[in-house]
Amino acid sequence: VERLDGVTRERFLRDIYPRRKPVVLTGLELGTCTTKWTIDYLSQAEGSKEVKIHVSAVPQMDFLSKNFVYRTLPFDVFVRRAAEVKHKEYFLTEDEKYYLRSVGEDVRKDIADIRKQFPILAEDVHIPEYFEKEQFFSSVFRISSAGLQLWTHYDVMDNFLIQVTGKKRVVLYSPRDAPYLYLSGTKSEVLDVDNPDLEKYPLFVKAKRYQCVLEAGDVLFIPALWFHNVISEEFGVALNVFWKHLPAESYDKTDTYGNKDPMAASRAIQILDRALKTLEELPEEYRDFYARRMVLRIQEKAYRNDCG
């Protein structure tokens, strides 16, 4: 993934954004957070307010098999535990991993916004405003233990992953490679992208891997629909900012996480499911023939012509 230093808003919107490829932006003005957010400062700033966290006995978290538990801790206790490698106090094991993804007050209705959930910390952050104010969707505050790996998934909105402290490795795949990623909804079943089980996932070798390492102060632009797998190489604090790249009415109103498919896509998938159900009325030979014709029709009508 390309690294570009000191990119202005104008250059980003003119040269980088239209390409719809991930890029690491360095040297941006992010506020005092990059120097201030030590473990002591974080603990003090937001005190003992309760936060809901993921706790996992293994480093690779799997959203499909749910190999983690949700627990609640006071924020200051959580920060100190997430920064430790071995724990004196723990829920599952002494080397368990912690992960905080901030959410709104009511997860069903409220969107994550650092200004509301962590107002004191929000004052230390300058979010690069490379999109219009009305396009803003959410700002998600994240803290991860060292070694924690998140499952590969895509989001339906563009986003900046702002690495405030610590170091992350991010592996990305193009939306074009969706057929090779063994999807279940927005998530890939292939957890270990470095050592995939190719007997179970033979097509995975066809997916082209993009990779970058984010140091403190780096900002990764992840275009909508690009798959990403994030590994925290060190204890670290990050902030994701999602914004609406499509017209506002395209998105599902009940989506508080920014990962529900656009309304038209959901409707199209429902219609396709009905079409496939209808095909079941035919004998296997006919079903196969008409299914192949439907695939060709989808390719002709809806696939892009360029091969990029």
Foldseek 3Di string as FASTA:
>chain_A
DEEEEPDALVCCVPPPVVVQDKYKYFHDCWFQLLPQPDLVNQCVQQDFDKAKKWKAPDQQQDPVVRRTDIDIGGRSVLSVQLQDQAQPDDDPHRRIKMKGKDADPDNQAGAAACCPVRVRSVVRTDDRPSDDPVQWQYKIKMWIHAFHKYFKFFFQFKKKKAWAAAKKKKKKFALVLVVQQCDDQGTGPQRPLPDGPCVVRVSVVVTDIDMDMDHHRMIMINHGSMIMMMHGNHTTIIMMITTHPDPPQQCDNSDRPRHDHGPVVVVVVVVVVVVLVVLVVDPPVVSVVVVVVVVVVCCVPPNDPDDD
